[in-house]
Each structure stands twice: as C-alpha cells, then as structure tokens.
C-alpha cells in the first residue's frame, strides 16, 4: 500500500499560481502512474494530469498549457504547478498512485479555491 499526503492548496485570485505537492510513503520511481485528480462541489471527480514511471505525461484539455505535473524521485514527491488559475479550477485536488498490479491509492485531498 502507498500512503499519499497532499499539500499546497489554498485561496488564490484568478490568474494566480499554486504548487501542489504529493508526498508518498515509499519510492515513487517504480510506481506505474502518479496522478492528480479534482472534484468540484456537485461534480464527479475528474482527471487533471498524470505522469508515468517512464516519464509519459497526460493532461486534461481544460488545464493544458496552464498546469505542469512533475516528480522528484529522490523526495518521493509529485508536484502540480498550476498557473493562470481560473474560478472553475476551484476543487479539492487529490493525488493518486497506481502500481503495476493496478492497485490504486488516494490521498486525503487539498482544497484549492480561486476567487477574487
């Protein structure tokens, strides 16, 4: 099992930036996929971005060009740099890990609120 802990959320004005962090309880270098998801009030949880163990990247269309996912294997941490934030980016952001066995684990989430 992988334990995940997100941090870095908060309140930011439209156009601002935040960097989310997801610290894992074990080495992430061999974790098949690490990803960020979000869930806005009254909506289903949706994929934001993923990064594979081989470095492959995937982004939701709504965040392309604004968000960047990256990882630091030495720190067992995955990041989500969010620039040009919009009010519609307001949500709870969750980190997820998927092992090669397809076992998945979720963090507790961190709140991001974009408002003037």
C-alpha atoms as a PDB file:
ATOM      1  CA  UNK A   1       0.000   0.000   0.000  1.00  0.00           C
ATOM      2  CA  UNK A   2       1.102   3.547  -0.753  1.00  0.00           C
ATOM      3  CA  UNK A   3       0.178   6.390   1.575  1.00  0.00           C
ATOM      4  CA  UNK A   4      -0.134   9.785  -0.042  1.00  0.00           C
ATOM      5  CA  UNK A   5      -0.234  13.225   1.536  1.00  0.00           C
ATOM      6  CA  UNK A   6      -1.151  16.323  -0.457  1.00  0.00           C
ATOM      7  CA  UNK A   7      -0.252  19.878   0.495  1.00  0.00           C
ATOM      8  CA  UNK A   8      -0.051  23.319  -1.037  1.00  0.00           C
ATOM      9  CA  UNK A   9      -3.694  24.171  -1.523  1.00  0.00           C
ATOM     10  CA  UNK A  10      -5.189  27.485  -0.556  1.00  0.00           C
ATOM     11  CA  UNK A  11      -7.019  30.593  -1.675  1.00  0.00           C
ATOM     12  CA  UNK A  12      -5.703  32.423  -4.730  1.00  0.00           C
ATOM     13  CA  UNK A  13      -7.030  35.145  -7.016  1.00  0.00           C
ATOM     14  CA  UNK A  14      -7.858  34.453 -10.656  1.00  0.00           C
ATOM     15  CA  UNK A  15      -4.691  34.462 -12.724  1.00  0.00           C
ATOM     16  CA  UNK A  16      -2.589  33.402  -9.758  1.00  0.00           C
ATOM     17  CA  UNK A  17      -0.451  30.335  -9.195  1.00  0.00           C
ATOM     18  CA  UNK A  18      -0.156  27.491  -6.719  1.00  0.00           C
ATOM     19  CA  UNK A  19       2.075  24.450  -6.481  1.00  0.00           C
ATOM     20  CA  UNK A  20       0.612  21.281  -5.011  1.00  0.00           C
ATOM     21  CA  UNK A  21       2.790  18.545  -3.569  1.00  0.00           C
ATOM     22  CA  UNK A  22       2.041  14.863  -3.067  1.00  0.00           C
ATOM     23  CA  UNK A  23       4.430  13.036  -0.755  1.00  0.00           C
ATOM     24  CA  UNK A  24       4.436   9.241  -0.985  1.00  0.00           C
ATOM     25  CA  UNK A  25       5.299   6.789   1.778  1.00  0.00           C
ATOM     26  CA  UNK A  26       7.549   4.778  -0.499  1.00  0.00           C
ATOM     27  CA  UNK A  27       9.736   5.185  -3.541  1.00  0.00           C
ATOM     28  CA  UNK A  28       7.770   6.532  -6.475  1.00  0.00           C
ATOM     29  CA  UNK A  29      10.333   5.640  -9.113  1.00  0.00           C
ATOM     30  CA  UNK A  30       8.677   2.277  -9.699  1.00  0.00           C
ATOM     31  CA  UNK A  31       5.081   3.391  -9.279  1.00  0.00           C
ATOM     32  CA  UNK A  32       3.375   2.829 -12.608  1.00  0.00           C
ATOM     33  CA  UNK A  33       1.364   6.049 -12.693  1.00  0.00           C
ATOM     34  CA  UNK A  34       1.069   9.051 -10.381  1.00  0.00           C
ATOM     35  CA  UNK A  35      -1.774  11.418 -10.990  1.00  0.00           C
ATOM     36  CA  UNK A  36      -3.722  14.451  -9.862  1.00  0.00           C
ATOM     37  CA  UNK A  37      -7.494  14.489  -9.872  1.00  0.00           C
ATOM     38  CA  UNK A  38     -10.002  17.051  -8.690  1.00  0.00           C
ATOM     39  CA  UNK A  39     -13.574  17.192  -7.538  1.00  0.00           C
ATOM     40  CA  UNK A  40     -15.627  20.361  -7.556  1.00  0.00           C
ATOM     41  CA  UNK A  41     -18.827  20.707  -5.491  1.00  0.00           C
ATOM     42  CA  UNK A  42     -21.661  18.787  -7.091  1.00  0.00           C
ATOM     43  CA  UNK A  43     -19.419  17.298  -9.779  1.00  0.00           C
ATOM     44  CA  UNK A  44     -17.695  13.999 -10.349  1.00  0.00           C
ATOM     45  CA  UNK A  45     -14.023  13.547  -9.689  1.00  0.00           C
ATOM     46  CA  UNK A  46     -12.018  14.166 -12.859  1.00  0.00           C
ATOM     47  CA  UNK A  47      -8.509  13.577 -14.057  1.00  0.00           C
ATOM     48  CA  UNK A  48      -6.227  16.596 -14.151  1.00  0.00           C
ATOM     49  CA  UNK A  49      -2.799  15.190 -15.045  1.00  0.00           C
ATOM     50  CA  UNK A  50      -0.766  12.003 -14.863  1.00  0.00           C
ATOM     51  CA  UNK A  51       2.889  11.051 -15.079  1.00  0.00           C
ATOM     52  CA  UNK A  52       4.105   7.509 -15.666  1.00  0.00           C
ATOM     53  CA  UNK A  53       7.225   5.790 -14.357  1.00  0.00           C
ATOM     54  CA  UNK A  54       8.666   6.236 -17.840  1.00  0.00           C
ATOM     55  CA  UNK A  55       8.015   9.974 -17.790  1.00  0.00           C
ATOM     56  CA  UNK A  56       4.941   9.982 -20.007  1.00  0.00           C
ATOM     57  CA  UNK A  57       2.620  12.922 -19.405  1.00  0.00           C
ATOM     58  CA  UNK A  58      -1.107  13.390 -19.869  1.00  0.00           C
ATOM     59  CA  UNK A  59      -3.247  16.439 -19.200  1.00  0.00           C
ATOM     60  CA  UNK A  60      -6.939  17.200 -19.255  1.00  0.00           C
ATOM     61  CA  UNK A  61      -7.774  19.587 -22.075  1.00  0.00           C
ATOM     62  CA  UNK A  62      -9.019  22.167 -19.606  1.00  0.00           C
ATOM     63  CA  UNK A  63      -5.584  22.544 -17.970  1.00  0.00           C
ATOM     64  CA  UNK A  64      -3.220  22.111 -20.917  1.00  0.00           C
ATOM     65  CA  UNK A  65      -0.761  24.959 -21.139  1.00  0.00           C
ATOM     66  CA  UNK A  66      -1.518  26.109 -17.597  1.00  0.00           C
ATOM     67  CA  UNK A  67      -0.689  23.141 -15.341  1.00  0.00           C
ATOM     68  CA  UNK A  68       2.505  21.103 -15.192  1.00  0.00           C
ATOM     69  CA  UNK A  69       2.959  17.767 -13.455  1.00  0.00           C
ATOM     70  CA  UNK A  70       6.410  16.684 -12.391  1.00  0.00           C
ATOM     71  CA  UNK A  71       8.069  14.402  -9.902  1.00  0.00           C
ATOM     72  CA  UNK A  72      11.177  14.249  -7.763  1.00  0.00           C
ATOM     73  CA  UNK A  73      12.078  10.605  -7.228  1.00  0.00           C
ATOM     74  CA  UNK A  74      14.686  11.466  -4.603  1.00  0.00           C
ATOM     75  CA  UNK A  75      11.964  13.105  -2.484  1.00  0.00           C
ATOM     76  CA  UNK A  76       9.232  10.611  -3.364  1.00  0.00           C
ATOM     77  CA  UNK A  77       7.095  13.600  -4.290  1.00  0.00           C
ATOM     78  CA  UNK A  78       4.930  14.538  -7.238  1.00  0.00           C
ATOM     79  CA  UNK A  79       4.073  18.172  -7.947  1.00  0.00           C
ATOM     80  CA  UNK A  80       1.356  20.024  -9.793  1.00  0.00           C
ATOM     81  CA  UNK A  81       2.324  23.541 -10.788  1.00  0.00           C
ATOM     82  CA  UNK A  82      -0.835  25.495 -11.538  1.00  0.00           C
ATOM     83  CA  UNK A  83      -0.570  28.828 -13.345  1.00  0.00           C
ATOM     84  CA  UNK A  84      -3.249  31.080 -14.759  1.00  0.00           C
ATOM     85  CA  UNK A  85      -5.799  29.763 -12.304  1.00  0.00           C
ATOM     86  CA  UNK A  86      -9.468  30.275 -13.086  1.00  0.00           C
ATOM     87  CA  UNK A  87     -12.524  30.216 -10.847  1.00  0.00           C
ATOM     88  CA  UNK A  88     -13.516  26.937 -12.465  1.00  0.00           C
ATOM     89  CA  UNK A  89     -10.331  25.345 -11.130  1.00  0.00           C
ATOM     90  CA  UNK A  90     -11.818  25.541  -7.633  1.00  0.00           C
ATOM     91  CA  UNK A  91     -11.978  21.993  -6.263  1.00  0.00           C
ATOM     92  CA  UNK A  92     -10.474  19.518  -3.871  1.00  0.00           C
ATOM     93  CA  UNK A  93      -7.346  18.136  -5.523  1.00  0.00           C
ATOM     94  CA  UNK A  94      -6.404  14.523  -4.903  1.00  0.00           C
ATOM     95  CA  UNK A  95      -3.233  12.596  -5.572  1.00  0.00           C
ATOM     96  CA  UNK A  96      -3.464   9.011  -6.786  1.00  0.00           C
ATOM     97  CA  UNK A  97      -0.925   6.250  -7.275  1.00  0.00           C
ATOM     98  CA  UNK A  98      -1.359   3.195  -9.470  1.00  0.00           C
ATOM     99  CA  UNK A  99       1.011   0.267  -9.131  1.00  0.00           C
ATOM    100  CA  UNK A 100       1.862  -2.197 -11.879  1.00  0.00           C
ATOM    101  CA  UNK A 101      -0.575  -4.563 -10.180  1.00  0.00           C
ATOM    102  CA  UNK A 102      -3.244  -1.909 -10.783  1.00  0.00           C
ATOM    103  CA  UNK A 103      -3.634  -1.335  -7.060  1.00  0.00           C
ATOM    104  CA  UNK A 104      -4.612   2.301  -6.545  1.00  0.00           C
ATOM    105  CA  UNK A 105      -4.304   4.563  -3.531  1.00  0.00           C
ATOM    106  CA  UNK A 106      -5.636   8.046  -2.875  1.00  0.00           C
ATOM    107  CA  UNK A 107      -4.559  10.906  -0.691  1.00  0.00           C
ATOM    108  CA  UNK A 108      -6.956  12.872   1.510  1.00  0.00           C
ATOM    109  CA  UNK A 109      -7.040  15.859  -0.819  1.00  0.00           C
ATOM    110  CA  UNK A 110      -6.198  19.535  -0.581  1.00  0.00           C
ATOM    111  CA  UNK A 111      -8.623  22.403  -1.194  1.00  0.00           C
ATOM    112  CA  UNK A 112      -7.910  24.912  -3.953  1.00  0.00           C
ATOM    113  CA  UNK A 113     -10.143  27.967  -4.100  1.00  0.00           C
ATOM    114  CA  UNK A 114      -9.813  30.524  -6.880  1.00  0.00           C
ATOM    115  CA  UNK A 115     -11.728  33.663  -6.080  1.00  0.00           C
ATOM    116  CA  UNK A 116     -11.395  37.410  -6.111  1.00  0.00           C
END
